Amino acid sequence: MSNRLSSLLSSEEMAREKVEEATREARRIRTGIPAEVSKIENEYASELQKYEKTGMSKVHDELVLLEEKQKVNLEKRKKDLDSISGNIAPRAVELIRSAIEGEKR
C-alpha cells in the first residue's frame, strides 16, 4: 500500500508539474500575441503599400499611353479641320461678297 501511495503521490506531482508547465506555456503564448498581431499588421501595411505603388505605376503608365494616343488623335483632327477649312474658305468668301453686294443694292 505504501508503494501505491508513493506511486499516487508521484503521479500527482507529475500532474502538477505538467499543469504548471502548461500554465507557463499559455502565459508565454498570451504575452506573445500582441507582438504577433503587430508583426502581422506591419506585414499587411507593407504589402498594401507595395500593391498600391504597383497599382499607381500601372495607372501612370496607362495615362501616359492614353495621353500619347490623344495627342495623335488631336493632331489628326487638327489636320482634318484645316483641310475642311481650306475647302470652306472660298465658299465663305463668296457668301460674304454676295452679302455685301446684296446690302449695296
N, C-alpha and C. Protein backbone atom coordinates (compact mmCIF):
# COMPACT_ATOMS: atom_id res chain seq x y z
N MET A 1 0.82 -1.17 0.00
CA MET A 1 0.00 0.00 0.00
C MET A 1 0.87 1.25 0.00
N SER A 2 1.94 1.20 0.68
CA SER A 2 2.89 2.29 0.72
C SER A 2 3.42 2.56 -0.69
N ASN A 3 3.62 1.49 -1.40
CA ASN A 3 4.10 1.60 -2.77
C ASN A 3 3.05 2.30 -3.66
N ARG A 4 1.81 1.92 -3.49
CA ARG A 4 0.73 2.52 -4.26
C ARG A 4 0.55 4.00 -3.90
N LEU A 5 0.66 4.27 -2.61
CA LEU A 5 0.55 5.66 -2.16
C LEU A 5 1.69 6.50 -2.72
N SER A 6 2.87 5.95 -2.72
CA SER A 6 4.04 6.63 -3.27
C SER A 6 3.86 6.86 -4.77
N SER A 7 3.35 5.87 -5.46
CA SER A 7 3.10 5.98 -6.89
C SER A 7 2.04 7.05 -7.17
N LEU A 8 1.02 7.06 -6.34
CA LEU A 8 -0.05 8.04 -6.48
C LEU A 8 0.48 9.46 -6.23
N LEU A 9 1.28 9.63 -5.21
CA LEU A 9 1.87 10.93 -4.91
C LEU A 9 2.80 11.38 -6.03
N SER A 10 3.54 10.44 -6.57
CA SER A 10 4.45 10.73 -7.68
C SER A 10 3.66 11.18 -8.91
N SER A 11 2.57 10.48 -9.17
CA SER A 11 1.71 10.83 -10.31
C SER A 11 1.10 12.21 -10.10
N GLU A 12 0.68 12.49 -8.87
CA GLU A 12 0.10 13.79 -8.57
C GLU A 12 1.14 14.90 -8.77
N GLU A 13 2.36 14.66 -8.34
CA GLU A 13 3.44 15.64 -8.51
C GLU A 13 3.72 15.87 -9.99
N MET A 14 3.75 14.81 -10.78
CA MET A 14 3.99 14.92 -12.22
C MET A 14 2.84 15.70 -12.89
N ALA A 15 1.61 15.44 -12.44
CA ALA A 15 0.46 16.15 -12.99
C ALA A 15 0.54 17.63 -12.65
N ARG A 16 0.94 17.94 -11.43
CA ARG A 16 1.08 19.33 -11.00
C ARG A 16 2.14 20.04 -11.85
N GLU A 17 3.25 19.34 -12.09
CA GLU A 17 4.32 19.92 -12.92
C GLU A 17 3.83 20.17 -14.35
N LYS A 18 3.06 19.23 -14.87
CA LYS A 18 2.51 19.38 -16.23
C LYS A 18 1.56 20.58 -16.29
N VAL A 19 0.71 20.73 -15.24
CA VAL A 19 -0.22 21.85 -15.19
C VAL A 19 0.55 23.17 -15.11
N GLU A 20 1.58 23.20 -14.28
CA GLU A 20 2.39 24.42 -14.16
C GLU A 20 3.10 24.73 -15.48
N GLU A 21 3.60 23.69 -16.14
CA GLU A 21 4.27 23.87 -17.43
C GLU A 21 3.28 24.39 -18.48
N ALA A 22 2.08 23.84 -18.48
CA ALA A 22 1.05 24.28 -19.42
C ALA A 22 0.64 25.72 -19.12
N THR A 23 0.55 26.06 -17.86
CA THR A 23 0.21 27.43 -17.45
C THR A 23 1.28 28.40 -17.92
N ARG A 24 2.56 28.03 -17.73
CA ARG A 24 3.65 28.90 -18.20
C ARG A 24 3.61 29.05 -19.72
N GLU A 25 3.36 27.95 -20.42
CA GLU A 25 3.28 27.99 -21.89
C GLU A 25 2.12 28.87 -22.34
N ALA A 26 0.98 28.76 -21.68
CA ALA A 26 -0.19 29.57 -22.03
C ALA A 26 0.12 31.05 -21.78
N ARG A 27 0.79 31.35 -20.67
CA ARG A 27 1.16 32.72 -20.35
C ARG A 27 2.13 33.27 -21.41
N ARG A 28 3.09 32.43 -21.82
CA ARG A 28 4.07 32.83 -22.84
C ARG A 28 3.36 33.13 -24.16
N ILE A 29 2.43 32.28 -24.51
CA ILE A 29 1.67 32.48 -25.76
C ILE A 29 0.84 33.76 -25.68
N ARG A 30 0.16 33.94 -24.53
CA ARG A 30 -0.68 35.13 -24.35
C ARG A 30 0.13 36.41 -24.44
N THR A 31 1.31 36.43 -23.84
CA THR A 31 2.13 37.65 -23.89
C THR A 31 2.72 37.87 -25.28
N GLY A 32 2.84 36.82 -26.06
CA GLY A 32 3.40 36.95 -27.41
C GLY A 32 2.37 37.36 -28.45
N ILE A 33 1.09 37.27 -28.13
CA ILE A 33 0.03 37.58 -29.11
C ILE A 33 0.10 39.03 -29.60
N PRO A 34 0.21 40.03 -28.72
CA PRO A 34 0.27 41.41 -29.23
C PRO A 34 1.45 41.63 -30.20
N ALA A 35 2.58 41.03 -29.90
CA ALA A 35 3.74 41.18 -30.79
C ALA A 35 3.47 40.54 -32.14
N GLU A 36 2.82 39.39 -32.13
CA GLU A 36 2.49 38.70 -33.39
C GLU A 36 1.46 39.51 -34.19
N VAL A 37 0.47 40.06 -33.49
CA VAL A 37 -0.54 40.88 -34.16
C VAL A 37 0.13 42.09 -34.79
N SER A 38 1.02 42.73 -34.06
CA SER A 38 1.75 43.89 -34.57
C SER A 38 2.59 43.50 -35.78
N LYS A 39 3.23 42.37 -35.72
CA LYS A 39 4.05 41.88 -36.84
C LYS A 39 3.18 41.66 -38.08
N ILE A 40 2.03 41.04 -37.88
CA ILE A 40 1.10 40.79 -39.00
C ILE A 40 0.58 42.11 -39.57
N GLU A 41 0.24 43.05 -38.70
CA GLU A 41 -0.24 44.36 -39.16
C GLU A 41 0.83 45.07 -39.98
N ASN A 42 2.08 45.00 -39.52
CA ASN A 42 3.18 45.63 -40.25
C ASN A 42 3.39 44.98 -41.61
N GLU A 43 3.32 43.66 -41.66
CA GLU A 43 3.46 42.94 -42.93
C GLU A 43 2.32 43.32 -43.87
N TYR A 44 1.11 43.41 -43.33
CA TYR A 44 -0.05 43.78 -44.13
C TYR A 44 0.12 45.19 -44.70
N ALA A 45 0.53 46.12 -43.85
CA ALA A 45 0.73 47.51 -44.29
C ALA A 45 1.80 47.58 -45.37
N SER A 46 2.86 46.82 -45.20
CA SER A 46 3.95 46.80 -46.18
C SER A 46 3.46 46.24 -47.52
N GLU A 47 2.73 45.15 -47.48
CA GLU A 47 2.20 44.55 -48.71
C GLU A 47 1.19 45.47 -49.38
N LEU A 48 0.37 46.12 -48.58
CA LEU A 48 -0.62 47.05 -49.12
C LEU A 48 0.09 48.22 -49.81
N GLN A 49 1.13 48.71 -49.19
CA GLN A 49 1.89 49.82 -49.77
C GLN A 49 2.53 49.39 -51.09
N LYS A 50 3.09 48.17 -51.15
CA LYS A 50 3.67 47.67 -52.40
C LYS A 50 2.59 47.53 -53.47
N TYR A 51 1.43 47.02 -53.08
CA TYR A 51 0.33 46.83 -54.02
C TYR A 51 -0.14 48.17 -54.57
N GLU A 52 -0.27 49.17 -53.68
CA GLU A 52 -0.70 50.49 -54.11
C GLU A 52 0.34 51.12 -55.04
N LYS A 53 1.61 50.95 -54.71
CA LYS A 53 2.68 51.50 -55.54
C LYS A 53 2.66 50.87 -56.93
N THR A 54 2.48 49.56 -56.98
CA THR A 54 2.40 48.87 -58.26
C THR A 54 1.18 49.34 -59.04
N GLY A 55 0.05 49.46 -58.36
CA GLY A 55 -1.18 49.92 -59.00
C GLY A 55 -1.03 51.33 -59.54
N MET A 56 -0.44 52.22 -58.76
CA MET A 56 -0.26 53.59 -59.21
C MET A 56 0.70 53.65 -60.40
N SER A 57 1.70 52.80 -60.40
CA SER A 57 2.63 52.75 -61.52
C SER A 57 1.91 52.32 -62.79
N LYS A 58 1.05 51.33 -62.66
CA LYS A 58 0.27 50.87 -63.82
C LYS A 58 -0.67 51.96 -64.31
N VAL A 59 -1.30 52.66 -63.38
CA VAL A 59 -2.20 53.76 -63.75
C VAL A 59 -1.41 54.85 -64.48
N HIS A 60 -0.24 55.18 -63.95
CA HIS A 60 0.60 56.21 -64.58
C HIS A 60 0.99 55.79 -66.00
N ASP A 61 1.41 54.55 -66.17
CA ASP A 61 1.79 54.05 -67.49
C ASP A 61 0.60 54.13 -68.45
N GLU A 62 -0.57 53.76 -67.97
CA GLU A 62 -1.78 53.80 -68.80
C GLU A 62 -2.11 55.25 -69.18
N LEU A 63 -1.96 56.18 -68.24
CA LEU A 63 -2.22 57.59 -68.53
C LEU A 63 -1.26 58.13 -69.58
N VAL A 64 0.00 57.76 -69.47
CA VAL A 64 0.98 58.20 -70.47
C VAL A 64 0.59 57.69 -71.85
N LEU A 65 0.21 56.42 -71.91
CA LEU A 65 -0.20 55.83 -73.18
C LEU A 65 -1.44 56.54 -73.74
N LEU A 66 -2.41 56.79 -72.89
CA LEU A 66 -3.63 57.48 -73.33
C LEU A 66 -3.34 58.91 -73.79
N GLU A 67 -2.44 59.59 -73.08
CA GLU A 67 -2.07 60.96 -73.49
C GLU A 67 -1.42 60.94 -74.88
N GLU A 68 -0.56 59.97 -75.13
CA GLU A 68 0.08 59.86 -76.44
C GLU A 68 -0.97 59.61 -77.52
N LYS A 69 -1.92 58.73 -77.24
CA LYS A 69 -2.98 58.45 -78.20
C LYS A 69 -3.82 59.70 -78.45
N GLN A 70 -4.10 60.45 -77.39
CA GLN A 70 -4.90 61.67 -77.52
C GLN A 70 -4.16 62.72 -78.35
N LYS A 71 -2.85 62.83 -78.16
CA LYS A 71 -2.07 63.78 -78.94
C LYS A 71 -2.11 63.42 -80.42
N VAL A 72 -1.97 62.14 -80.73
CA VAL A 72 -2.04 61.69 -82.12
C VAL A 72 -3.43 61.99 -82.68
N ASN A 73 -4.45 61.69 -81.92
CA ASN A 73 -5.83 61.94 -82.34
C ASN A 73 -6.07 63.44 -82.55
N LEU A 74 -5.56 64.25 -81.63
CA LEU A 74 -5.72 65.70 -81.73
C LEU A 74 -5.06 66.23 -83.01
N GLU A 75 -3.85 65.79 -83.29
CA GLU A 75 -3.15 66.24 -84.49
C GLU A 75 -3.92 65.83 -85.75
N LYS A 76 -4.45 64.63 -85.76
CA LYS A 76 -5.23 64.17 -86.91
C LYS A 76 -6.46 65.04 -87.10
N ARG A 77 -7.15 65.34 -85.99
CA ARG A 77 -8.36 66.18 -86.06
C ARG A 77 -8.02 67.59 -86.53
N LYS A 78 -6.89 68.12 -86.06
CA LYS A 78 -6.47 69.45 -86.50
C LYS A 78 -6.24 69.46 -88.01
N LYS A 79 -5.56 68.44 -88.51
CA LYS A 79 -5.31 68.35 -89.96
C LYS A 79 -6.63 68.24 -90.72
N ASP A 80 -7.54 67.43 -90.18
CA ASP A 80 -8.86 67.29 -90.81
C ASP A 80 -9.58 68.64 -90.85
N LEU A 81 -9.54 69.37 -89.73
CA LEU A 81 -10.20 70.68 -89.67
C LEU A 81 -9.53 71.69 -90.61
N ASP A 82 -8.21 71.66 -90.68
CA ASP A 82 -7.50 72.55 -91.61
C ASP A 82 -7.91 72.24 -93.04
N SER A 83 -8.04 70.96 -93.36
CA SER A 83 -8.45 70.55 -94.71
C SER A 83 -9.87 71.03 -95.00
N ILE A 84 -10.76 70.82 -94.05
CA ILE A 84 -12.15 71.26 -94.21
C ILE A 84 -12.19 72.78 -94.33
N SER A 85 -11.42 73.46 -93.50
CA SER A 85 -11.36 74.92 -93.52
C SER A 85 -10.89 75.40 -94.89
N GLY A 86 -9.90 74.74 -95.46
CA GLY A 86 -9.40 75.10 -96.78
C GLY A 86 -10.47 74.94 -97.84
N ASN A 87 -11.31 73.95 -97.68
CA ASN A 87 -12.40 73.74 -98.64
C ASN A 87 -13.55 74.72 -98.45
N ILE A 88 -13.77 75.14 -97.23
CA ILE A 88 -14.89 76.03 -96.91
C ILE A 88 -14.55 77.50 -97.18
N ALA A 89 -13.30 77.87 -97.04
CA ALA A 89 -12.89 79.27 -97.15
C ALA A 89 -13.34 79.92 -98.45
N PRO A 90 -13.12 79.34 -99.61
CA PRO A 90 -13.57 80.01 -100.84
C PRO A 90 -15.07 80.22 -100.86
N ARG A 91 -15.82 79.27 -100.40
CA ARG A 91 -17.29 79.39 -100.37
C ARG A 91 -17.70 80.49 -99.39
N ALA A 92 -17.00 80.59 -98.25
CA ALA A 92 -17.31 81.62 -97.26
C ALA A 92 -17.04 83.00 -97.84
N VAL A 93 -15.94 83.15 -98.53
CA VAL A 93 -15.61 84.44 -99.16
C VAL A 93 -16.68 84.80 -100.18
N GLU A 94 -17.09 83.82 -100.94
CA GLU A 94 -18.14 84.03 -101.95
C GLU A 94 -19.44 84.48 -101.30
N LEU A 95 -19.82 83.86 -100.20
CA LEU A 95 -21.04 84.23 -99.49
C LEU A 95 -20.94 85.63 -98.91
N ILE A 96 -19.78 85.98 -98.38
CA ILE A 96 -19.58 87.32 -97.81
C ILE A 96 -19.71 88.37 -98.91
N ARG A 97 -19.07 88.12 -100.06
CA ARG A 97 -19.18 89.06 -101.18
C ARG A 97 -20.64 89.22 -101.62
N SER A 98 -21.30 88.11 -101.67
CA SER A 98 -22.71 88.12 -102.09
C SER A 98 -23.54 88.93 -101.09
N ALA A 99 -23.25 88.77 -99.82
CA ALA A 99 -23.99 89.52 -98.80
C ALA A 99 -23.69 90.99 -98.89
N ILE A 100 -22.44 91.36 -99.13
CA ILE A 100 -22.06 92.76 -99.24
C ILE A 100 -22.72 93.38 -100.45
N GLU A 101 -22.73 92.66 -101.57
CA GLU A 101 -23.35 93.17 -102.78
C GLU A 101 -24.86 93.32 -102.58
N GLY A 102 -25.43 92.39 -101.81
CA GLY A 102 -26.87 92.47 -101.52
C GLY A 102 -27.19 93.69 -100.70
N GLU A 103 -26.31 94.11 -99.78
CA GLU A 103 -26.54 95.29 -98.97
C GLU A 103 -26.37 96.56 -99.78
N LYS A 104 -25.51 96.52 -100.77
CA LYS A 104 -25.26 97.71 -101.60
C LYS A 104 -26.48 98.02 -102.45
N ARG A 105 -27.26 97.08 -102.77
CA ARG A 105 -28.44 97.29 -103.65
C ARG A 105 -29.59 97.82 -102.90
